[in-house]
């Protein structure tokens, strides 16, 4: 059997707990083996993963020289070249900008995946010579062989700012159907995310305040933390809505919450900073677990939630419409269960981790010739 060839998997901040989707994306590789490279280890290294921290390999100007000036030391070039890599894949636009001089020094084709705010935030889309990404953005799009937006929404955002259409291939976010499965369902409504403007938690709480009667006999579980939480909890209490508030839940524990939930709510919206979702993983995880979705027409959400079939979609920030759709789900358990089943079937077909991981490997093998 032929030994797998090496692909360099660059992410500046490696193994951030909220970004576990990055290493999962390589999980079904058979002909390529990822070797992770970056600067900061933000979480535990996955079992069996090979990691090369770049910091000790830089020249006299260190990490700043590498990032700001694109200096690739002979030591760094030699260490990575010894792996005989065939391609370099960067996660997030900023990491792509950092990786660009490295790909050039090693003579490697570069692919970069965009996930959301890296394509939409004003800080990332304006002209600025102070930020490495902004000043290298046009060169990154010119020199990268492949750009992988995680949703068609992100593809359109990038295209509107000058990214070449011919280089872009939508590669949807995914979740593992072996992990996220339906369990015994209870009358449980779940929100999971940061309590920030982009996640739309304030819209959900305003909607819940309109539904005191429909919520009778239901449990509301609002997972996560963030700067908006104290004020929004006070609004919940003022409206007389009782909710479970477990705080931050590790990604590997979310399967238990989705397995039990009948309804998942994803009320995301574009923040004033321009920050937007790509395609929220919580949608796919909840769908695989058989939850009906109440969500917004935001970013890539309509690419996985079918309005009236796997859940309901409302406009961003429209708490009255969200309350109406939640009310329909709360009052009709049979409808909710049917939508949950349809959502699981759709996610198994179009957002399956094993399938998408194999597609990513095929994309990278294509670059390697």
Protein backbone atom coordinates (compact mmCIF):
# COMPACT_ATOMS: atom_id res chain seq x y z
CA UNK A 1 0.00 0.00 0.00
CA UNK A 2 1.34 3.45 -0.95
CA UNK A 3 2.32 5.64 1.97
CA UNK A 4 0.13 8.76 2.34
CA UNK A 5 1.74 11.96 1.12
CA UNK A 6 2.00 15.00 3.39
CA UNK A 7 -0.19 18.07 3.27
CA UNK A 8 0.79 20.96 5.55
CA UNK A 9 -2.27 22.07 7.55
CA UNK A 10 -1.63 25.67 8.63
CA UNK A 11 -3.66 27.42 11.29
CA UNK A 12 -1.98 30.18 13.26
CA UNK A 13 -3.81 29.26 16.48
CA UNK A 14 -3.91 25.49 16.60
CA UNK A 15 -6.61 23.35 18.21
CA UNK A 16 -8.74 26.18 19.60
CA UNK A 17 -11.58 24.34 21.42
CA UNK A 18 -14.29 26.17 19.46
CA UNK A 19 -12.57 25.24 16.17
CA UNK A 20 -12.51 21.46 16.53
CA UNK A 21 -14.10 21.32 13.07
CA UNK A 22 -10.63 22.01 11.58
CA UNK A 23 -8.89 18.74 12.56
CA UNK A 24 -12.16 16.85 11.99
CA UNK A 25 -12.05 18.00 8.39
CA UNK A 26 -9.04 15.76 7.76
CA UNK A 27 -10.47 12.74 9.58
CA UNK A 28 -11.36 10.66 6.52
CA UNK A 29 -8.09 11.21 4.64
CA UNK A 30 -6.44 8.05 3.31
CA UNK A 31 -4.03 9.24 0.61
CA UNK A 32 -2.83 12.36 2.40
CA UNK A 33 -1.66 12.86 5.99
CA UNK A 34 -2.00 16.30 7.55
CA UNK A 35 0.94 17.72 9.46
CA UNK A 36 -0.30 20.65 11.54
CA UNK A 37 1.81 23.80 11.58
CA UNK A 38 1.19 27.08 13.40
CA UNK A 39 2.31 29.20 16.32
CA UNK A 40 -0.01 28.97 19.33
CA UNK A 41 -1.37 25.73 20.77
CA UNK A 42 -4.76 26.75 22.13
CA UNK A 43 -5.97 23.30 23.15
CA UNK A 44 -4.95 19.66 23.47
CA UNK A 45 -3.42 17.99 20.44
CA UNK A 46 -5.80 15.37 18.98
CA UNK A 47 -4.66 11.80 19.42
CA UNK A 48 -2.32 10.73 16.64
CA UNK A 49 -1.88 14.24 15.21
CA UNK A 50 1.57 15.35 14.08
CA UNK A 51 2.33 18.96 14.97
CA UNK A 52 5.29 21.21 14.18
CA UNK A 53 5.29 24.52 16.13
CA UNK A 54 6.85 27.13 13.86
CA UNK A 55 8.16 29.52 16.54
CA UNK A 56 11.51 27.77 17.21
CA UNK A 57 12.23 27.49 13.47
CA UNK A 58 12.21 31.21 12.65
CA UNK A 59 15.28 33.34 12.02
CA UNK A 60 16.61 36.29 14.06
CA UNK A 61 13.45 38.39 13.61
CA UNK A 62 11.31 35.53 14.92
CA UNK A 63 7.56 35.24 14.49
CA UNK A 64 7.17 38.95 13.70
CA UNK A 65 9.61 38.67 10.81
CA UNK A 66 7.72 35.67 9.44
CA UNK A 67 4.27 37.23 9.75
CA UNK A 68 4.96 40.87 8.97
CA UNK A 69 7.71 40.57 6.37
CA UNK A 70 7.17 37.03 5.10
CA UNK A 71 10.69 35.93 6.07
CA UNK A 72 11.11 32.16 5.80
CA UNK A 73 14.30 30.99 7.47
CA UNK A 74 16.51 28.32 5.93
CA UNK A 75 15.87 26.20 9.02
CA UNK A 76 12.10 26.42 8.63
CA UNK A 77 12.26 25.70 4.90
CA UNK A 78 14.55 22.71 5.45
CA UNK A 79 12.42 21.25 8.28
CA UNK A 80 9.22 21.33 6.25
CA UNK A 81 10.79 20.38 2.92
CA UNK A 82 12.09 17.20 4.58
CA UNK A 83 8.46 16.03 4.82
CA UNK A 84 8.11 16.20 1.01
CA UNK A 85 4.76 17.99 1.27
CA UNK A 86 2.57 18.18 -1.81
CA UNK A 87 0.29 21.07 -0.80
CA UNK A 88 -0.40 23.63 1.91
CA UNK A 89 -3.92 24.12 3.27
CA UNK A 90 -4.64 27.16 5.46
CA UNK A 91 -7.71 27.54 7.67
CA UNK A 92 -9.06 31.11 7.80
CA UNK A 93 -8.07 34.00 5.57
CA UNK A 94 -5.52 35.43 8.00
CA UNK A 95 -3.68 32.12 8.20
CA UNK A 96 -3.72 32.02 4.41
CA UNK A 97 -2.00 35.39 4.31
CA UNK A 98 0.66 34.22 6.77
CA UNK A 99 1.13 30.98 4.82
CA UNK A 100 1.53 32.66 1.43
CA UNK A 101 5.31 33.34 1.66
CA UNK A 102 5.83 29.84 3.08
CA UNK A 103 4.00 28.22 0.18
CA UNK A 104 6.10 30.25 -2.24
CA UNK A 105 9.37 29.32 -0.47
CA UNK A 106 8.48 25.61 -0.60
CA UNK A 107 7.06 25.72 -4.11
CA UNK A 108 3.71 24.38 -2.92
CA UNK A 109 0.17 24.99 -4.18
CA UNK A 110 -1.87 26.83 -1.55
CA UNK A 111 -5.52 26.30 -0.65
CA UNK A 112 -7.33 28.48 1.89
CA UNK A 113 -10.68 27.89 3.60
CA UNK A 114 -12.87 30.81 4.69
CA UNK A 115 -15.33 30.28 7.53
CA UNK A 116 -17.25 33.52 8.20
CA UNK A 117 -15.96 36.70 9.76
CA UNK A 118 -12.65 36.32 7.96
CA UNK A 119 -14.62 37.10 4.78
CA UNK A 120 -17.22 39.55 6.15
CA UNK A 121 -15.86 41.66 9.02
CA UNK A 122 -15.20 45.28 8.17
CA UNK A 123 -11.76 44.88 9.75
CA UNK A 124 -10.97 42.17 7.18
CA UNK A 125 -12.59 43.74 4.11
CA UNK A 126 -11.37 47.34 4.25
CA UNK A 127 -8.13 48.67 2.80
CA UNK A 128 -5.44 48.73 5.49
CA UNK A 129 -1.65 48.44 5.32
CA UNK A 130 -1.47 48.00 9.08
CA UNK A 131 -2.92 44.47 9.03
CA UNK A 132 -1.04 41.67 7.31
CA UNK A 133 -4.19 40.04 5.95
CA UNK A 134 -5.53 43.24 4.42
CA UNK A 135 -2.34 44.16 2.65
CA UNK A 136 -1.79 40.61 1.33
CA UNK A 137 -5.44 39.87 0.57
CA UNK A 138 -5.31 40.62 -3.17
CA UNK A 139 -2.01 38.71 -3.52
CA UNK A 140 -3.47 35.77 -1.60
CA UNK A 141 -6.42 35.58 -3.96
CA UNK A 142 -4.12 35.93 -6.98
CA UNK A 143 -1.55 33.32 -5.90
CA UNK A 144 -3.66 30.73 -4.06
CA UNK A 145 -4.58 27.81 -6.28
CA UNK A 146 -7.89 27.13 -4.52
CA UNK A 147 -10.28 29.12 -2.28
CA UNK A 148 -12.78 27.09 -0.27
CA UNK A 149 -15.65 29.17 1.17
CA UNK A 150 -17.68 27.17 3.70
CA UNK A 151 -20.98 28.30 2.18
CA UNK A 152 -22.28 29.90 -0.98
CA UNK A 153 -22.98 33.00 1.11
CA UNK A 154 -19.26 33.30 1.90
CA UNK A 155 -18.46 32.68 -1.77
CA UNK A 156 -20.68 35.62 -2.74
CA UNK A 157 -19.13 37.83 -0.05
CA UNK A 158 -15.63 37.06 -1.31
CA UNK A 159 -16.60 37.50 -4.97
CA UNK A 160 -18.12 40.91 -4.23
CA UNK A 161 -14.75 42.00 -2.86
CA UNK A 162 -12.71 40.74 -5.78
CA UNK A 163 -11.88 37.11 -5.08
CA UNK A 164 -11.68 35.22 -8.39
CA UNK A 165 -14.81 33.17 -9.04
CA UNK A 166 -12.85 30.57 -11.03
CA UNK A 167 -10.75 29.64 -7.99
CA UNK A 168 -13.62 29.21 -5.55
CA UNK A 169 -15.33 25.94 -4.69
CA UNK A 170 -17.95 25.86 -1.92
CA UNK A 171 -16.97 23.28 0.70
CA UNK A 172 -19.71 23.11 3.33
CA UNK A 173 -19.14 22.70 7.04
CA UNK A 174 -19.99 19.25 8.35
CA UNK A 175 -20.56 17.19 11.49
CA UNK A 176 -20.08 13.53 12.28
CA UNK A 177 -23.27 11.44 12.02
CA UNK A 178 -21.59 8.79 14.20
CA UNK A 179 -21.45 11.35 17.01
CA UNK A 180 -24.65 13.35 16.52
CA UNK A 181 -27.63 11.00 16.59
CA UNK A 182 -31.22 11.36 17.79
CA UNK A 183 -31.92 10.17 21.31
CA UNK A 184 -35.12 9.96 23.33
CA UNK A 185 -36.64 13.37 22.68
CA UNK A 186 -38.12 15.55 25.41
CA UNK A 187 -39.92 18.87 25.31
CA UNK A 188 -36.66 20.74 25.17
CA UNK A 189 -35.70 23.86 23.19
CA UNK A 190 -31.95 24.55 22.94
CA UNK A 191 -29.84 27.53 21.91
CA UNK A 192 -26.06 27.01 21.86
CA UNK A 193 -23.58 29.77 21.10
CA UNK A 194 -21.77 32.81 22.36
CA UNK A 195 -23.97 35.49 23.86
CA UNK A 196 -22.88 38.06 21.30
CA UNK A 197 -24.58 40.28 18.76
CA UNK A 198 -23.86 37.95 15.82
CA UNK A 199 -25.53 34.96 17.48
CA UNK A 200 -28.85 36.82 17.84
CA UNK A 201 -29.54 35.58 21.37
CA UNK A 202 -31.33 38.86 22.12
CA UNK A 203 -33.80 38.12 19.29
CA UNK A 204 -34.51 34.70 20.77
CA UNK A 205 -35.08 36.08 24.26
CA UNK A 206 -37.47 38.72 22.89
CA UNK A 207 -39.32 35.93 21.06
CA UNK A 208 -39.51 33.74 24.16
CA UNK A 209 -40.99 36.66 26.09
CA UNK A 210 -43.95 36.52 23.66
CA UNK A 211 -44.60 32.81 24.35
CA UNK A 212 -45.24 32.24 28.07
CA UNK A 213 -48.30 30.05 27.48
CA UNK A 214 -46.85 27.98 24.63
CA UNK A 215 -43.73 27.27 26.71
CA UNK A 216 -45.73 25.59 29.48
CA UNK A 217 -44.41 22.06 29.85
CA UNK A 218 -41.28 22.84 27.85
CA UNK A 219 -37.70 23.30 29.05
CA UNK A 220 -35.65 26.15 27.59
CA UNK A 221 -31.88 25.59 27.71
CA UNK A 222 -29.67 28.50 26.67
CA UNK A 223 -26.07 27.29 26.41
CA UNK A 224 -23.03 29.57 26.27
CA UNK A 225 -21.52 32.70 27.74
CA UNK A 226 -20.63 36.18 26.54
CA UNK A 227 -20.77 39.87 27.21
CA UNK A 228 -24.53 40.22 26.59
CA UNK A 229 -25.47 37.54 29.09
CA UNK A 230 -26.07 39.53 32.32
CA UNK A 231 -28.45 42.03 30.69
CA UNK A 232 -30.29 39.36 28.70
CA UNK A 233 -30.72 37.08 31.72
CA UNK A 234 -32.31 40.05 33.48
CA UNK A 235 -34.72 40.41 30.54
CA UNK A 236 -35.60 36.72 30.77
CA UNK A 237 -36.36 37.05 34.46
CA UNK A 238 -38.41 40.21 33.92
CA UNK A 239 -40.51 38.35 31.34
CA UNK A 240 -41.05 35.47 33.75
CA UNK A 241 -39.30 32.95 31.48
CA UNK A 242 -37.49 30.21 33.34
CA UNK A 243 -34.49 28.85 31.49
CA UNK A 244 -31.60 26.54 32.20
CA UNK A 245 -28.30 28.40 31.83
CA UNK A 246 -25.47 25.85 31.88
CA UNK A 247 -22.83 28.25 30.51
CA UNK A 248 -20.15 27.07 28.12
CA UNK A 249 -20.38 23.40 27.16
CA UNK A 250 -17.39 21.58 25.60
CA UNK A 251 -17.93 20.65 21.95
CA UNK A 252 -17.72 16.92 22.68
CA UNK A 253 -20.61 17.24 25.14
CA UNK A 254 -23.03 19.01 22.81
CA UNK A 255 -24.22 15.73 21.30
CA UNK A 256 -26.08 14.93 24.53
CA UNK A 257 -28.01 18.21 24.42
CA UNK A 258 -28.96 17.88 20.76
CA UNK A 259 -29.93 14.22 21.20
CA UNK A 260 -32.50 15.23 23.82
CA UNK A 261 -33.75 18.44 22.19
CA UNK A 262 -36.81 18.58 19.95
CA UNK A 263 -36.19 22.18 18.80
CA UNK A 264 -32.94 24.00 18.07
CA UNK A 265 -32.94 27.77 17.66
CA UNK A 266 -30.25 29.53 15.60
CA UNK A 267 -31.24 33.24 15.40
CA UNK A 268 -27.93 34.57 14.00
CA UNK A 269 -27.57 37.95 12.28
CA UNK A 270 -24.88 40.17 10.81
CA UNK A 271 -23.20 42.24 13.54
CA UNK A 272 -22.46 45.94 13.21
CA UNK A 273 -18.80 45.01 12.72
CA UNK A 274 -19.81 43.12 9.59
CA UNK A 275 -19.17 39.81 11.34
CA UNK A 276 -21.40 37.07 9.96
CA UNK A 277 -21.68 33.32 10.16
CA UNK A 278 -20.41 31.06 7.40
CA UNK A 279 -22.60 28.04 7.97
CA UNK A 280 -23.15 27.46 11.70
CA UNK A 281 -22.11 24.00 12.81
CA UNK A 282 -24.88 23.97 15.39
CA UNK A 283 -27.41 23.78 12.55
CA UNK A 284 -25.83 20.63 11.15
CA UNK A 285 -25.23 19.02 14.55
CA UNK A 286 -28.84 19.64 15.57
CA UNK A 287 -30.20 18.37 12.26
CA UNK A 288 -28.18 15.15 12.51
CA UNK A 289 -29.63 14.71 16.00
CA UNK A 290 -33.17 15.02 14.64
CA UNK A 291 -34.03 18.52 15.89
CA UNK A 292 -36.43 20.84 14.09
CA UNK A 293 -34.77 24.21 13.42
CA UNK A 294 -36.08 27.71 14.08
CA UNK A 295 -33.51 29.96 12.46
CA UNK A 296 -32.87 33.13 10.49
CA UNK A 297 -32.24 33.81 6.82
CA UNK A 298 -28.67 34.63 7.61
CA UNK A 299 -25.44 33.69 5.87
CA UNK A 300 -25.33 29.98 4.95
CA UNK A 301 -28.24 28.93 7.17
CA UNK A 302 -30.75 28.73 4.26
CA UNK A 303 -28.30 26.36 2.53
CA UNK A 304 -29.03 23.69 5.15
CA UNK A 305 -32.39 24.62 6.72
CA UNK A 306 -35.33 24.14 4.35
CA UNK A 307 -38.16 26.49 5.34
CA UNK A 308 -41.33 24.53 6.09
CA UNK A 309 -39.57 21.19 5.60
CA UNK A 310 -36.75 20.84 8.17
CA UNK A 311 -37.72 23.86 10.23
CA UNK A 312 -38.61 27.51 9.79
CA UNK A 313 -36.67 30.57 8.65
CA UNK A 314 -37.40 34.18 9.57
CA UNK A 315 -35.66 37.46 8.80
CA UNK A 316 -32.75 38.53 10.97
CA UNK A 317 -33.81 40.32 14.16
CA UNK A 318 -37.56 39.64 13.66
CA UNK A 319 -38.54 38.42 17.12
CA UNK A 320 -42.28 38.51 16.33
CA UNK A 321 -41.85 36.14 13.37
CA UNK A 322 -39.49 33.94 15.37
CA UNK A 323 -42.07 33.74 18.18
CA UNK A 324 -44.74 32.76 15.65
CA UNK A 325 -42.65 29.91 14.19
CA UNK A 326 -41.50 28.70 17.59
CA UNK A 327 -45.12 28.71 18.69
CA UNK A 328 -46.05 26.41 15.80
CA UNK A 329 -43.31 23.95 16.78
CA UNK A 330 -44.11 24.11 20.49
CA UNK A 331 -47.82 23.45 19.92
CA UNK A 332 -47.45 20.66 17.34
CA UNK A 333 -45.08 17.89 18.50
CA UNK A 334 -45.89 15.70 15.48
CA UNK A 335 -44.90 18.48 13.06
CA UNK A 336 -41.74 19.12 15.07
CA UNK A 337 -40.77 15.44 15.01
CA UNK A 338 -41.41 15.19 11.25
CA UNK A 339 -39.24 18.25 10.57
CA UNK A 340 -36.51 16.82 12.77
CA UNK A 341 -36.53 13.55 10.83
CA UNK A 342 -36.41 15.39 7.50
CA UNK A 343 -33.51 17.49 8.75
CA UNK A 344 -31.52 14.41 9.73
CA UNK A 345 -32.01 12.88 6.28
CA UNK A 346 -30.88 16.09 4.60
CA UNK A 347 -27.80 16.41 6.82
CA UNK A 348 -26.85 12.76 6.27
CA UNK A 349 -26.93 13.35 2.54
CA UNK A 350 -25.33 16.79 2.16
CA UNK A 351 -23.37 17.57 5.34
CA UNK A 352 -21.83 14.24 6.25
CA UNK A 353 -18.32 14.53 7.75
CA UNK A 354 -16.98 11.41 6.06
CA UNK A 355 -18.16 12.52 2.62
CA UNK A 356 -16.96 16.10 2.99
CA UNK A 357 -13.58 15.05 4.41
CA UNK A 358 -13.04 12.82 1.38
CA UNK A 359 -13.98 15.75 -0.88
CA UNK A 360 -11.43 17.97 0.85
CA UNK A 361 -8.75 15.33 0.31
CA UNK A 362 -9.73 15.12 -3.38
CA UNK A 363 -9.43 18.91 -3.72
CA UNK A 364 -5.95 18.89 -2.20
CA UNK A 365 -4.85 15.88 -4.26
CA UNK A 366 -6.02 17.75 -7.33
CA UNK A 367 -3.69 20.62 -6.44
CA UNK A 368 -0.84 18.17 -5.93
CA UNK A 369 -1.36 16.75 -9.42
